[in-house]
Amino acid sequence: MDLVGSQTQPQRSSAPLLIFLLLILLGLFVLLWPSLNVRINTGIQDRTEGQCLSAGQNFDRRQEAFTLAQTAEEQRRIKPFGGNYGLGSYTICYTDGSQKRVQSDLFKGYYTYGNLNQPPHATHSEQATYGWLQNQLSHLSIAQNKVTAIYAVIFSQVAVCPPCQKDMVSWQRTLRQTAGINELHLSIWDIRPGRGFDPATYPADTGTPITVDDLRQVPIRFAP
């Protein structure tokens, strides 16, 4: 009896099975990837480089405010704070169709009392953002014939208070003078009543992502 021949059997290669399993996994990944990508991007929209439309003749103010609102929302989750968060941006729309967007850092807003040299709302985030815009625009060196318009946007995560709204009446005019460009358009945004939250109660936010429909353009009648 041939013992060697009876005990040794040809081994089957496992490579085809592994390749088959890998193909199945790859197919599942391709099928599931779109839904995974949607989930990843639900809370954070694409940070575009500006919202200039129609060669700068128009501007998507709401979308820009939404981008700023999401930035404030992210910051609050990382660094909870019992007061307001706000920030701003300006976008230069050039006549050649290009654009440049500059966004500020985040500013904390709070009331101060007992300081006779300034009103309590002087430390609100909107005031800090306005100061940032003034500083930025004062250093611009652009020929007016190269620019279609400049769009400045200020966002506050807490409703803009009446004293700040009163101050804002002159802000657009002042920014136009600072930049030396008449086609500068300012808009102020916050979260519409009933959609916001109290940072003193929810320093880290409520956990409900903000939507573009939650935003409100503050009705400021700017001085000519």
Protein backbone atom coordinates (compact mmCIF):
# COMPACT_ATOMS: atom_id res chain seq x y z
CA MET A 1 0.00 0.00 0.00
CA ASP A 2 1.29 3.42 -0.93
CA LEU A 3 0.97 5.26 2.42
CA VAL A 4 2.33 8.53 1.09
CA GLY A 5 -0.12 8.62 -1.76
CA SER A 6 -3.07 7.83 0.47
CA GLN A 7 -2.31 10.51 3.06
CA THR A 8 -1.45 13.50 0.89
CA GLN A 9 -4.31 15.33 -0.81
CA PRO A 10 -3.96 18.30 -3.20
CA GLN A 11 -4.52 21.58 -1.34
CA ARG A 12 -7.05 23.98 -2.79
CA SER A 13 -5.95 27.58 -3.06
CA SER A 14 -7.94 30.10 -0.95
CA ALA A 15 -7.05 33.02 -3.23
CA PRO A 16 -10.25 32.88 -5.38
CA LEU A 17 -12.41 32.91 -2.26
CA LEU A 18 -10.55 35.92 -0.84
CA ILE A 19 -10.85 37.78 -4.14
CA PHE A 20 -14.58 37.02 -4.22
CA LEU A 21 -15.08 38.35 -0.69
CA LEU A 22 -13.08 41.50 -1.46
CA LEU A 23 -15.23 42.16 -4.53
CA ILE A 24 -18.37 41.84 -2.42
CA LEU A 25 -17.01 44.28 0.17
CA LEU A 26 -16.00 46.73 -2.55
CA GLY A 27 -19.47 46.55 -4.08
CA LEU A 28 -21.10 47.22 -0.69
CA PHE A 29 -18.80 50.19 -0.12
CA VAL A 30 -19.68 51.70 -3.49
CA LEU A 31 -23.40 51.28 -2.79
CA LEU A 32 -23.28 52.69 0.74
CA TRP A 33 -20.81 55.54 0.17
CA PRO A 34 -23.40 58.13 -1.07
CA SER A 35 -25.55 57.71 2.04
CA LEU A 36 -22.49 57.87 4.29
CA ASN A 37 -21.33 61.01 2.57
CA VAL A 38 -24.72 62.66 3.04
CA ARG A 39 -24.63 61.92 6.75
CA ILE A 40 -21.15 63.35 7.09
CA ASN A 41 -22.07 66.57 5.30
CA THR A 42 -25.50 67.14 6.86
CA GLY A 43 -24.30 69.41 9.66
CA ILE A 44 -21.46 71.22 7.91
CA GLN A 45 -21.99 72.82 4.55
CA ASP A 46 -19.23 73.44 2.05
CA ARG A 47 -17.21 76.52 2.98
CA THR A 48 -17.30 78.35 -0.32
CA GLU A 49 -14.92 81.16 -1.15
CA GLY A 50 -17.73 83.66 -1.46
CA GLN A 51 -21.27 84.00 -2.73
CA CYS A 52 -20.87 86.50 -5.58
CA LEU A 53 -23.54 85.95 -8.23
CA SER A 54 -24.14 87.39 -11.70
CA ALA A 55 -20.61 88.78 -12.01
CA GLY A 56 -20.90 90.43 -8.62
CA GLN A 57 -24.19 92.19 -9.33
CA ASN A 58 -25.85 90.09 -6.64
CA PHE A 59 -24.82 88.18 -3.54
CA ASP A 60 -26.24 85.24 -1.59
CA ARG A 61 -26.34 86.94 1.80
CA ARG A 62 -28.36 84.20 3.46
CA GLN A 63 -25.95 81.45 2.42
CA GLU A 64 -23.02 83.51 3.66
CA ALA A 65 -24.78 84.10 6.98
CA PHE A 66 -25.44 80.36 7.17
CA THR A 67 -21.73 79.64 6.75
CA LEU A 68 -20.96 82.05 9.59
CA ALA A 69 -23.72 80.54 11.75
CA GLN A 70 -22.28 77.05 11.31
CA THR A 71 -18.85 78.32 12.32
CA ALA A 72 -20.29 79.78 15.53
CA GLU A 73 -22.17 76.55 16.16
CA GLU A 74 -19.01 74.46 15.81
CA GLN A 75 -17.10 76.78 18.13
CA ARG A 76 -19.76 76.55 20.83
CA ARG A 77 -19.62 72.76 20.76
CA ILE A 78 -15.84 72.83 21.12
CA LYS A 79 -15.74 75.66 23.65
CA PRO A 80 -19.06 76.04 25.52
CA PHE A 81 -19.71 79.61 26.62
CA GLY A 82 -22.55 81.19 28.60
CA GLY A 83 -22.64 84.25 26.37
CA ASN A 84 -22.95 85.09 22.69
CA TYR A 85 -20.71 84.02 19.82
CA GLY A 86 -20.55 86.13 16.68
CA LEU A 87 -18.36 86.79 13.67
CA GLY A 88 -18.38 88.32 10.23
CA SER A 89 -16.92 88.33 6.76
CA TYR A 90 -16.51 90.48 3.70
CA THR A 91 -16.37 89.36 0.09
CA ILE A 92 -14.89 91.42 -2.72
CA CYS A 93 -16.50 90.75 -6.11
CA TYR A 94 -14.15 91.80 -8.91
CA THR A 95 -15.15 92.93 -12.38
CA ASP A 96 -13.26 90.02 -13.96
CA GLY A 97 -15.56 87.54 -12.20
CA SER A 98 -13.16 86.54 -9.47
CA GLN A 99 -13.83 87.06 -5.78
CA LYS A 100 -12.04 87.18 -2.45
CA ARG A 101 -13.65 86.21 0.85
CA VAL A 102 -12.20 87.06 4.26
CA GLN A 103 -13.71 85.73 7.49
CA SER A 104 -13.08 87.05 10.98
CA ASP A 105 -12.24 85.14 14.11
CA LEU A 106 -15.08 84.42 16.52
CA PHE A 107 -15.92 87.09 19.08
CA LYS A 108 -17.49 86.53 22.48
CA GLY A 109 -20.31 88.87 23.39
CA TYR A 110 -21.47 89.85 26.87
CA TYR A 111 -22.87 92.78 28.82
CA THR A 112 -20.66 94.93 31.00
CA TYR A 113 -22.01 96.98 33.87
CA GLY A 114 -20.47 99.63 36.06
CA ASN A 115 -18.21 101.06 33.34
CA LEU A 116 -19.17 104.70 32.93
CA ASN A 117 -16.86 105.08 29.92
CA GLN A 118 -18.92 102.79 27.66
CA PRO A 119 -22.49 101.47 27.41
CA PRO A 120 -23.22 97.86 28.48
CA HIS A 121 -23.65 96.68 24.87
CA ALA A 122 -20.24 97.96 23.79
CA THR A 123 -18.81 94.48 24.41
CA HIS A 124 -21.35 92.66 22.26
CA SER A 125 -19.97 90.44 19.50
CA GLU A 126 -21.53 92.58 16.76
CA GLN A 127 -19.58 95.59 17.98
CA ALA A 128 -16.35 93.58 17.87
CA THR A 129 -17.13 92.33 14.36
CA TYR A 130 -17.86 95.87 13.20
CA GLY A 131 -14.50 97.00 14.59
CA TRP A 132 -12.81 94.15 12.74
CA LEU A 133 -14.49 95.19 9.48
CA GLN A 134 -13.37 98.78 9.94
CA ASN A 135 -9.79 97.69 10.51
CA GLN A 136 -9.78 95.32 7.55
CA LEU A 137 -11.39 97.71 5.10
CA SER A 138 -9.15 100.59 6.12
CA HIS A 139 -6.18 98.67 4.71
CA LEU A 140 -7.74 97.87 1.35
CA SER A 141 -6.01 99.28 -1.69
CA ILE A 142 -8.27 98.55 -4.65
CA ALA A 143 -9.16 100.66 -7.66
CA GLN A 144 -12.92 101.16 -7.80
CA ASN A 145 -12.99 100.21 -11.49
CA LYS A 146 -11.67 96.76 -10.54
CA VAL A 147 -14.44 96.04 -8.04
CA THR A 148 -18.12 95.36 -8.72
CA ALA A 149 -19.09 95.40 -5.05
CA ILE A 150 -18.06 94.46 -1.52
CA TYR A 151 -20.50 92.51 0.64
CA ALA A 152 -20.04 92.57 4.40
CA VAL A 153 -22.01 90.19 6.63
CA ILE A 154 -22.26 90.16 10.43
CA PHE A 155 -23.78 87.20 12.28
CA SER A 156 -24.85 87.00 15.94
CA GLN A 157 -25.88 83.72 17.57
CA VAL A 158 -28.08 85.69 19.99
CA ALA A 159 -30.78 88.15 18.92
CA VAL A 160 -29.32 91.59 18.22
CA CYS A 161 -30.34 93.92 21.03
CA PRO A 162 -32.18 97.24 20.38
CA PRO A 163 -29.20 99.44 21.42
CA CYS A 164 -26.98 97.64 18.92
CA GLN A 165 -29.64 97.97 16.22
CA LYS A 166 -29.70 101.69 16.85
CA ASP A 167 -25.93 101.90 16.49
CA MET A 168 -26.01 99.89 13.26
CA VAL A 169 -27.93 102.53 11.34
CA SER A 170 -24.68 104.33 10.52
CA TRP A 171 -22.46 101.29 10.05
CA GLN A 172 -22.88 100.77 6.31
CA ARG A 173 -22.16 104.45 5.59
CA THR A 174 -19.07 104.37 7.79
CA LEU A 175 -17.75 101.18 6.18
CA ARG A 176 -18.24 102.70 2.72
CA GLN A 177 -16.22 105.72 3.77
CA THR A 178 -13.55 103.51 5.35
CA ALA A 179 -13.18 101.34 2.24
CA GLY A 180 -13.50 104.27 -0.15
CA ILE A 181 -16.08 102.31 -2.16
CA ASN A 182 -19.74 103.24 -2.47
CA GLU A 183 -20.80 99.78 -3.64
CA LEU A 184 -20.34 98.23 -0.20
CA HIS A 185 -23.38 96.42 1.16
CA LEU A 186 -23.76 95.40 4.78
CA SER A 187 -26.26 92.92 6.21
CA ILE A 188 -26.77 91.82 9.82
CA TRP A 189 -28.07 88.37 10.71
CA ASP A 190 -29.17 86.48 13.82
CA ILE A 191 -31.43 83.51 14.63
CA ARG A 192 -35.12 84.17 14.20
CA PRO A 193 -37.35 84.29 17.32
CA GLY A 194 -38.45 80.86 18.47
CA ARG A 195 -35.51 79.10 16.79
CA GLY A 196 -32.71 80.29 19.07
CA PHE A 197 -31.56 79.30 22.56
CA ASP A 198 -30.26 80.87 25.75
CA PRO A 199 -26.47 80.37 26.02
CA ALA A 200 -26.68 80.82 29.80
CA THR A 201 -28.87 77.70 29.90
CA TYR A 202 -27.21 75.82 27.02
CA PRO A 203 -23.53 76.89 26.90
CA ALA A 204 -22.74 74.03 24.49
CA ASP A 205 -25.87 74.53 22.33
CA THR A 206 -28.99 72.38 22.38
CA GLY A 207 -27.56 69.80 19.99
CA THR A 208 -30.03 70.60 17.21
CA PRO A 209 -28.15 71.69 14.06
CA ILE A 210 -29.04 75.10 12.70
CA THR A 211 -30.71 75.31 9.30
CA VAL A 212 -30.65 78.09 6.76
CA ASP A 213 -34.34 78.76 7.47
CA ASP A 214 -33.51 79.50 11.11
CA LEU A 215 -31.74 82.70 10.11
CA ARG A 216 -33.19 86.20 10.11
CA GLN A 217 -31.84 89.34 8.50
CA VAL A 218 -32.06 92.05 11.13
CA PRO A 219 -34.21 94.87 9.69
CA ILE A 220 -31.81 97.81 9.84
CA ARG A 221 -32.66 100.90 7.81
CA PHE A 222 -29.14 102.08 7.07
CA ALA A 223 -28.43 105.79 6.80
CA PRO A 224 -27.72 106.97 3.23
